[in-house]
Amino acid sequence: MSKKNIAILTILIAIILDQVLKVYIKTTYALNGGFEIFSWFQIHFVENNGMAMGFEFGGEIGKLFLTLFRIVAVFAIVYWLIGNIKRKVHNAVIVGIALIFAGAVGNIIDSVFYGVIFDSSNNNVATLFADEPYGTLFHGKVVDMFYFPFIKDAILPEWIPFVGGDSFTFFQYIFNPADAYISVGVALLFVFSKQAFPKEEKENKEITA
């Protein structure tokens, strides 16, 4: 299979899986609903405005800025991917960049379209193509569902400054397939950094010499 086809197949499969799971979760559970697979792995439906770990900034304007920034970044990733396909780099690098692209697109779809095709999930199972959607174009919320509380409600030692005696959960953040794609893609680029960034490494060697 050509490197171009590897990239296209990776992107298509990743985006389809991401969106199928998000639509299923959103049309099956109300907000904060879900189920337990293992004590350390749960499906827990939450929504956020699109920043990593659920952080937010700038209200509606900040949300719009973030979505537009991601769209611009996607075009940059496409350029990067095409360049690496032409250079015939290792397939792992192609897959890594393709996963990063798919992850970015997956969350962009939520942000751009979900506000106008779903109604609210608050105390209600959302309806796809609802008559009264919860938001507007470019102001949709990203759907998250993977929750891995490996350590839950543990108590921090008293000797730790500021937070000693507080309870904590590890890992407390909830994420989605698109987030996982980006993480795996970055990991692949790190492992295969020599193939992904050959020019930078060559320049560094010349400088140190």
C-alpha atoms as a PDB file:
ATOM      1  CA  MET A   1       0.000   0.000   0.000  1.00  0.00           C
ATOM      2  CA  SER A   2       1.322   3.443  -0.906  1.00  0.00           C
ATOM      3  CA  LYS A   3       2.106   5.976   1.812  1.00  0.00           C
ATOM      4  CA  LYS A   4      -0.651   8.219   0.479  1.00  0.00           C
ATOM      5  CA  ASN A   5      -3.223   5.441   0.839  1.00  0.00           C
ATOM      6  CA  ILE A   6      -1.932   4.606   4.331  1.00  0.00           C
ATOM      7  CA  ALA A   7      -2.509   8.227   5.343  1.00  0.00           C
ATOM      8  CA  ILE A   8      -5.983   8.401   3.779  1.00  0.00           C
ATOM      9  CA  LEU A   9      -7.083   5.072   5.278  1.00  0.00           C
ATOM     10  CA  THR A  10      -5.781   6.034   8.733  1.00  0.00           C
ATOM     11  CA  ILE A  11      -7.587   9.377   8.629  1.00  0.00           C
ATOM     12  CA  LEU A  12     -10.895   7.957   7.385  1.00  0.00           C
ATOM     13  CA  ILE A  13     -11.026   5.087   9.882  1.00  0.00           C
ATOM     14  CA  ALA A  14      -9.986   7.320  12.789  1.00  0.00           C
ATOM     15  CA  ILE A  15     -12.515  10.091  12.069  1.00  0.00           C
ATOM     16  CA  ILE A  16     -15.379   7.653  11.427  1.00  0.00           C
ATOM     17  CA  LEU A  17     -14.700   5.768  14.693  1.00  0.00           C
ATOM     18  CA  ASP A  18     -14.430   9.033  16.608  1.00  0.00           C
ATOM     19  CA  GLN A  19     -17.702  10.407  15.300  1.00  0.00           C
ATOM     20  CA  VAL A  20     -19.656   7.147  15.520  1.00  0.00           C
ATOM     21  CA  LEU A  21     -18.720   6.772  19.187  1.00  0.00           C
ATOM     22  CA  LYS A  22     -19.473  10.425  20.001  1.00  0.00           C
ATOM     23  CA  VAL A  23     -22.882  10.328  18.305  1.00  0.00           C
ATOM     24  CA  TYR A  24     -23.696   7.030  20.030  1.00  0.00           C
ATOM     25  CA  ILE A  25     -22.763   8.387  23.464  1.00  0.00           C
ATOM     26  CA  LYS A  26     -24.626  11.653  22.939  1.00  0.00           C
ATOM     27  CA  THR A  27     -27.808   9.958  21.688  1.00  0.00           C
ATOM     28  CA  THR A  28     -27.737   7.237  24.365  1.00  0.00           C
ATOM     29  CA  TYR A  29     -26.843   9.035  27.608  1.00  0.00           C
ATOM     30  CA  ALA A  30     -27.714  12.318  29.265  1.00  0.00           C
ATOM     31  CA  LEU A  31     -24.846  14.492  30.476  1.00  0.00           C
ATOM     32  CA  ASN A  32     -22.773  12.724  33.177  1.00  0.00           C
ATOM     33  CA  GLY A  33     -24.348   9.389  32.251  1.00  0.00           C
ATOM     34  CA  GLY A  34     -22.467   6.246  31.266  1.00  0.00           C
ATOM     35  CA  PHE A  35     -21.432   2.888  32.633  1.00  0.00           C
ATOM     36  CA  GLU A  36     -18.532   1.102  34.294  1.00  0.00           C
ATOM     37  CA  ILE A  37     -16.468  -1.424  32.319  1.00  0.00           C
ATOM     38  CA  PHE A  38     -13.903  -1.957  35.064  1.00  0.00           C
ATOM     39  CA  SER A  39     -13.378  -0.067  38.319  1.00  0.00           C
ATOM     40  CA  TRP A  40     -10.465   1.717  36.593  1.00  0.00           C
ATOM     41  CA  PHE A  41     -12.144   2.226  33.201  1.00  0.00           C
ATOM     42  CA  GLN A  42     -15.509   3.923  32.789  1.00  0.00           C
ATOM     43  CA  ILE A  43     -17.564   5.506  30.046  1.00  0.00           C
ATOM     44  CA  HIS A  44     -18.645   8.858  31.473  1.00  0.00           C
ATOM     45  CA  PHE A  45     -20.266  11.391  29.152  1.00  0.00           C
ATOM     46  CA  VAL A  46     -19.187  15.002  29.602  1.00  0.00           C
ATOM     47  CA  GLU A  47     -18.903  18.012  27.293  1.00  0.00           C
ATOM     48  CA  ASN A  48     -16.443  20.884  27.123  1.00  0.00           C
ATOM     49  CA  ASN A  49     -15.692  23.867  24.934  1.00  0.00           C
ATOM     50  CA  GLY A  50     -12.767  22.199  23.265  1.00  0.00           C
ATOM     51  CA  MET A  51      -9.586  22.893  25.198  1.00  0.00           C
ATOM     52  CA  ALA A  52      -7.397  20.105  26.537  1.00  0.00           C
ATOM     53  CA  MET A  53      -8.401  18.782  29.969  1.00  0.00           C
ATOM     54  CA  GLY A  54     -11.657  20.761  29.776  1.00  0.00           C
ATOM     55  CA  PHE A  55     -10.055  24.173  30.374  1.00  0.00           C
ATOM     56  CA  GLU A  56     -11.840  27.242  28.983  1.00  0.00           C
ATOM     57  CA  PHE A  57     -10.957  30.846  28.262  1.00  0.00           C
ATOM     58  CA  GLY A  58     -12.560  33.959  26.827  1.00  0.00           C
ATOM     59  CA  GLY A  59     -16.169  32.762  26.799  1.00  0.00           C
ATOM     60  CA  GLU A  60     -17.887  32.612  23.389  1.00  0.00           C
ATOM     61  CA  ILE A  61     -15.177  34.720  21.714  1.00  0.00           C
ATOM     62  CA  GLY A  62     -12.467  32.469  23.098  1.00  0.00           C
ATOM     63  CA  LYS A  63     -14.361  29.408  21.885  1.00  0.00           C
ATOM     64  CA  LEU A  64     -14.648  30.859  18.368  1.00  0.00           C
ATOM     65  CA  PHE A  65     -10.959  31.798  18.347  1.00  0.00           C
ATOM     66  CA  LEU A  66      -9.975  28.294  19.435  1.00  0.00           C
ATOM     67  CA  THR A  67     -12.066  26.665  16.700  1.00  0.00           C
ATOM     68  CA  LEU A  68     -10.690  28.961  13.990  1.00  0.00           C
ATOM     69  CA  PHE A  69      -7.138  28.368  15.223  1.00  0.00           C
ATOM     70  CA  ARG A  70      -7.675  24.617  14.972  1.00  0.00           C
ATOM     71  CA  ILE A  71      -8.953  24.938  11.416  1.00  0.00           C
ATOM     72  CA  VAL A  72      -5.834  26.876  10.413  1.00  0.00           C
ATOM     73  CA  ALA A  73      -3.672  24.307  12.199  1.00  0.00           C
ATOM     74  CA  VAL A  74      -5.355  21.494  10.230  1.00  0.00           C
ATOM     75  CA  PHE A  75      -4.246  23.076   6.945  1.00  0.00           C
ATOM     76  CA  ALA A  76      -0.695  23.269   8.296  1.00  0.00           C
ATOM     77  CA  ILE A  77      -0.841  19.592   9.278  1.00  0.00           C
ATOM     78  CA  VAL A  78      -2.045  18.658   5.762  1.00  0.00           C
ATOM     79  CA  TYR A  79       0.928  20.511   4.270  1.00  0.00           C
ATOM     80  CA  TRP A  80       3.244  18.726   6.703  1.00  0.00           C
ATOM     81  CA  LEU A  81       1.709  15.334   5.874  1.00  0.00           C
ATOM     82  CA  ILE A  82       1.971  15.833   2.111  1.00  0.00           C
ATOM     83  CA  GLY A  83       5.597  16.881   2.468  1.00  0.00           C
ATOM     84  CA  ASN A  84       6.453  13.731   4.412  1.00  0.00           C
ATOM     85  CA  ILE A  85       4.628  11.518   1.922  1.00  0.00           C
ATOM     86  CA  LYS A  86       6.739  13.039  -0.863  1.00  0.00           C
ATOM     87  CA  ARG A  87       9.891  12.445   1.185  1.00  0.00           C
ATOM     88  CA  LYS A  88       8.831   8.797   1.576  1.00  0.00           C
ATOM     89  CA  VAL A  89       9.483   8.746   5.311  1.00  0.00           C
ATOM     90  CA  HIS A  90       8.839   5.762   7.564  1.00  0.00           C
ATOM     91  CA  ASN A  91       5.218   4.583   7.597  1.00  0.00           C
ATOM     92  CA  ALA A  92       5.036   5.171  11.364  1.00  0.00           C
ATOM     93  CA  VAL A  93       5.661   8.884  10.773  1.00  0.00           C
ATOM     94  CA  ILE A  94       2.897   8.987   8.155  1.00  0.00           C
ATOM     95  CA  VAL A  95       0.501   7.244  10.548  1.00  0.00           C
ATOM     96  CA  GLY A  96       1.521   9.568  13.395  1.00  0.00           C
ATOM     97  CA  ILE A  97       0.842  12.750  11.421  1.00  0.00           C
ATOM     98  CA  ALA A  98      -2.379  11.259  10.010  1.00  0.00           C
ATOM     99  CA  LEU A  99      -3.587  10.500  13.556  1.00  0.00           C
ATOM    100  CA  ILE A 100      -2.818  14.035  14.709  1.00  0.00           C
ATOM    101  CA  PHE A 101      -4.771  15.356  11.713  1.00  0.00           C
ATOM    102  CA  ALA A 102      -7.708  13.006  12.377  1.00  0.00           C
ATOM    103  CA  GLY A 103      -7.788  13.974  16.049  1.00  0.00           C
ATOM    104  CA  ALA A 104      -7.840  17.675  15.230  1.00  0.00           C
ATOM    105  CA  VAL A 105     -10.585  17.214  12.626  1.00  0.00           C
ATOM    106  CA  GLY A 106     -12.633  15.031  14.990  1.00  0.00           C
ATOM    107  CA  ASN A 107     -12.803  17.748  17.641  1.00  0.00           C
ATOM    108  CA  ILE A 108     -13.345  20.462  15.033  1.00  0.00           C
ATOM    109  CA  ILE A 109     -16.454  18.623  13.808  1.00  0.00           C
ATOM    110  CA  ASP A 110     -17.851  18.743  17.362  1.00  0.00           C
ATOM    111  CA  SER A 111     -17.011  22.418  17.773  1.00  0.00           C
ATOM    112  CA  VAL A 112     -18.349  23.538  14.410  1.00  0.00           C
ATOM    113  CA  PHE A 113     -21.447  21.398  13.912  1.00  0.00           C
ATOM    114  CA  TYR A 114     -22.693  19.801  17.142  1.00  0.00           C
ATOM    115  CA  GLY A 115     -24.283  23.022  18.364  1.00  0.00           C
ATOM    116  CA  VAL A 116     -26.629  23.090  15.369  1.00  0.00           C
ATOM    117  CA  ILE A 117     -27.470  19.393  14.987  1.00  0.00           C
ATOM    118  CA  PHE A 118     -28.039  18.319  18.621  1.00  0.00           C
ATOM    119  CA  ASP A 119     -30.306  19.606  21.340  1.00  0.00           C
ATOM    120  CA  SER A 120     -29.131  19.882  24.955  1.00  0.00           C
ATOM    121  CA  SER A 121     -27.847  16.861  26.897  1.00  0.00           C
ATOM    122  CA  ASN A 122     -28.615  18.409  30.295  1.00  0.00           C
ATOM    123  CA  ASN A 123     -30.964  15.951  32.063  1.00  0.00           C
ATOM    124  CA  ASN A 124     -31.912  14.719  28.611  1.00  0.00           C
ATOM    125  CA  VAL A 125     -30.700  12.299  25.933  1.00  0.00           C
ATOM    126  CA  ALA A 126     -29.853  14.478  22.939  1.00  0.00           C
ATOM    127  CA  THR A 127     -31.606  14.166  19.601  1.00  0.00           C
ATOM    128  CA  LEU A 128     -29.618  14.153  16.354  1.00  0.00           C
ATOM    129  CA  PHE A 129     -30.838  16.808  13.881  1.00  0.00           C
ATOM    130  CA  ALA A 130     -32.991  18.346  16.613  1.00  0.00           C
ATOM    131  CA  ASP A 131     -35.609  20.990  15.897  1.00  0.00           C
ATOM    132  CA  GLU A 132     -34.234  23.163  18.702  1.00  0.00           C
ATOM    133  CA  PRO A 133     -30.440  22.790  18.767  1.00  0.00           C
ATOM    134  CA  TYR A 134     -28.516  23.882  21.857  1.00  0.00           C
ATOM    135  CA  GLY A 135     -26.068  26.230  20.153  1.00  0.00           C
ATOM    136  CA  THR A 136     -24.897  27.900  16.968  1.00  0.00           C
ATOM    137  CA  LEU A 137     -22.406  27.158  14.204  1.00  0.00           C
ATOM    138  CA  PHE A 138     -18.803  27.173  15.510  1.00  0.00           C
ATOM    139  CA  HIS A 139     -20.006  27.059  19.119  1.00  0.00           C
ATOM    140  CA  GLY A 140     -20.639  23.357  19.634  1.00  0.00           C
ATOM    141  CA  LYS A 141     -19.258  21.433  22.604  1.00  0.00           C
ATOM    142  CA  VAL A 142     -16.751  18.593  22.334  1.00  0.00           C
ATOM    143  CA  VAL A 143     -17.972  15.192  23.537  1.00  0.00           C
ATOM    144  CA  ASP A 144     -15.692  13.272  25.934  1.00  0.00           C
ATOM    145  CA  MET A 145     -16.287   9.847  27.450  1.00  0.00           C
ATOM    146  CA  PHE A 146     -13.129   7.868  28.353  1.00  0.00           C
ATOM    147  CA  TYR A 147     -12.457   7.967  32.100  1.00  0.00           C
ATOM    148  CA  PHE A 148      -9.601   6.032  33.724  1.00  0.00           C
ATOM    149  CA  PRO A 149      -9.689   6.553  37.524  1.00  0.00           C
ATOM    150  CA  PHE A 150      -6.786   4.189  38.311  1.00  0.00           C
ATOM    151  CA  ILE A 151      -6.566   5.653  41.820  1.00  0.00           C
ATOM    152  CA  LYS A 152      -9.828   7.067  43.169  1.00  0.00           C
ATOM    153  CA  ASP A 153     -10.488   9.204  46.251  1.00  0.00           C
ATOM    154  CA  ALA A 154      -7.030   8.596  47.702  1.00  0.00           C
ATOM    155  CA  ILE A 155      -5.779  10.915  50.468  1.00  0.00           C
ATOM    156  CA  LEU A 156      -2.583  12.868  49.900  1.00  0.00           C
ATOM    157  CA  PRO A 157       0.001  12.673  52.732  1.00  0.00           C
ATOM    158  CA  GLU A 158      -0.275  15.485  55.264  1.00  0.00           C
ATOM    159  CA  TRP A 159       3.355  16.500  54.755  1.00  0.00           C
ATOM    160  CA  ILE A 160       2.745  17.686  51.171  1.00  0.00           C
ATOM    161  CA  PRO A 161       2.535  21.526  51.198  1.00  0.00           C
ATOM    162  CA  PHE A 162      -0.840  23.160  50.418  1.00  0.00           C
ATOM    163  CA  VAL A 163      -2.642  19.969  49.297  1.00  0.00           C
ATOM    164  CA  GLY A 164      -1.743  17.558  52.121  1.00  0.00           C
ATOM    165  CA  GLY A 165      -4.798  15.737  53.406  1.00  0.00           C
ATOM    166  CA  ASP A 166      -6.849  16.443  50.279  1.00  0.00           C
ATOM    167  CA  SER A 167      -8.383  13.620  48.266  1.00  0.00           C
ATOM    168  CA  PHE A 168      -7.346  13.071  44.665  1.00  0.00           C
ATOM    169  CA  THR A 169      -8.131  10.839  41.699  1.00  0.00           C
ATOM    170  CA  PHE A 170      -5.613   9.636  39.135  1.00  0.00           C
ATOM    171  CA  PHE A 171      -6.342   9.863  36.207  1.00  0.00           C
ATOM    172  CA  GLN A 172      -9.197  12.348  36.683  1.00  0.00           C
ATOM    173  CA  TYR A 173      -9.402  13.811  33.176  1.00  0.00           C
ATOM    174  CA  ILE A 174     -11.983  12.555  30.672  1.00  0.00           C
ATOM    175  CA  PHE A 175     -11.096  12.454  26.984  1.00  0.00           C
ATOM    176  CA  ASN A 176     -12.336  11.174  23.625  1.00  0.00           C
ATOM    177  CA  PRO A 177     -10.946   9.140  20.686  1.00  0.00           C
ATOM    178  CA  ALA A 178      -9.740  12.290  18.899  1.00  0.00           C
ATOM    179  CA  ASP A 179      -7.642  13.256  21.941  1.00  0.00           C
ATOM    180  CA  ALA A 180      -6.225   9.726  22.034  1.00  0.00           C
ATOM    181  CA  TYR A 181      -5.291   9.912  18.337  1.00  0.00           C
ATOM    182  CA  ILE A 182      -3.324  13.099  18.922  1.00  0.00           C
ATOM    183  CA  SER A 183      -1.499  11.576  21.895  1.00  0.00           C
ATOM    184  CA  VAL A 184      -0.618   8.394  19.979  1.00  0.00           C
ATOM    185  CA  GLY A 185       0.439  10.442  16.956  1.00  0.00           C
ATOM    186  CA  VAL A 186       2.775  12.599  19.044  1.00  0.00           C
ATOM    187  CA  ALA A 187       4.198   9.462  20.694  1.00  0.00           C
ATOM    188  CA  LEU A 188       4.920   7.913  17.281  1.00  0.00           C
ATOM    189  CA  LEU A 189       6.691  11.062  16.116  1.00  0.00           C
ATOM    190  CA  PHE A 190       8.759  11.048  19.301  1.00  0.00           C
ATOM    191  CA  VAL A 191       9.751   7.390  18.879  1.00  0.00           C
ATOM    192  CA  PHE A 192      10.561   7.891  15.184  1.00  0.00           C
ATOM    193  CA  SER A 193      11.958  11.414  15.582  1.00  0.00           C
ATOM    194  CA  LYS A 194      15.017  10.671  13.439  1.00  0.00           C
ATOM    195  CA  GLN A 195      12.794   9.872  10.490  1.00  0.00           C
ATOM    196  CA  ALA A 196      10.266  12.629  11.253  1.00  0.00           C
ATOM    197  CA  PHE A 197      12.765  15.475  11.713  1.00  0.00           C
ATOM    198  CA  PRO A 198      15.912  14.561   9.738  1.00  0.00           C
ATOM    199  CA  LYS A 199      16.831  18.112   8.697  1.00  0.00           C
ATOM    200  CA  GLU A 200      16.748  19.452  12.229  1.00  0.00           C
ATOM    201  CA  GLU A 201      18.966  16.656  13.494  1.00  0.00           C
ATOM    202  CA  LYS A 202      21.440  17.108  10.638  1.00  0.00           C
ATOM    203  CA  GLU A 203      21.696  20.836  11.323  1.00  0.00           C
ATOM    204  CA  ASN A 204      22.256  20.180  15.036  1.00  0.00           C
ATOM    205  CA  LYS A 205      25.110  17.772  14.239  1.00  0.00           C
ATOM    206  CA  GLU A 206      26.765  20.346  11.986  1.00  0.00           C
ATOM    207  CA  ILE A 207      26.536  23.007  14.696  1.00  0.00           C
ATOM    208  CA  THR A 208      28.040  20.776  17.408  1.00  0.00           C
ATOM    209  CA  ALA A 209      30.846  19.734  15.039  1.00  0.00           C
END
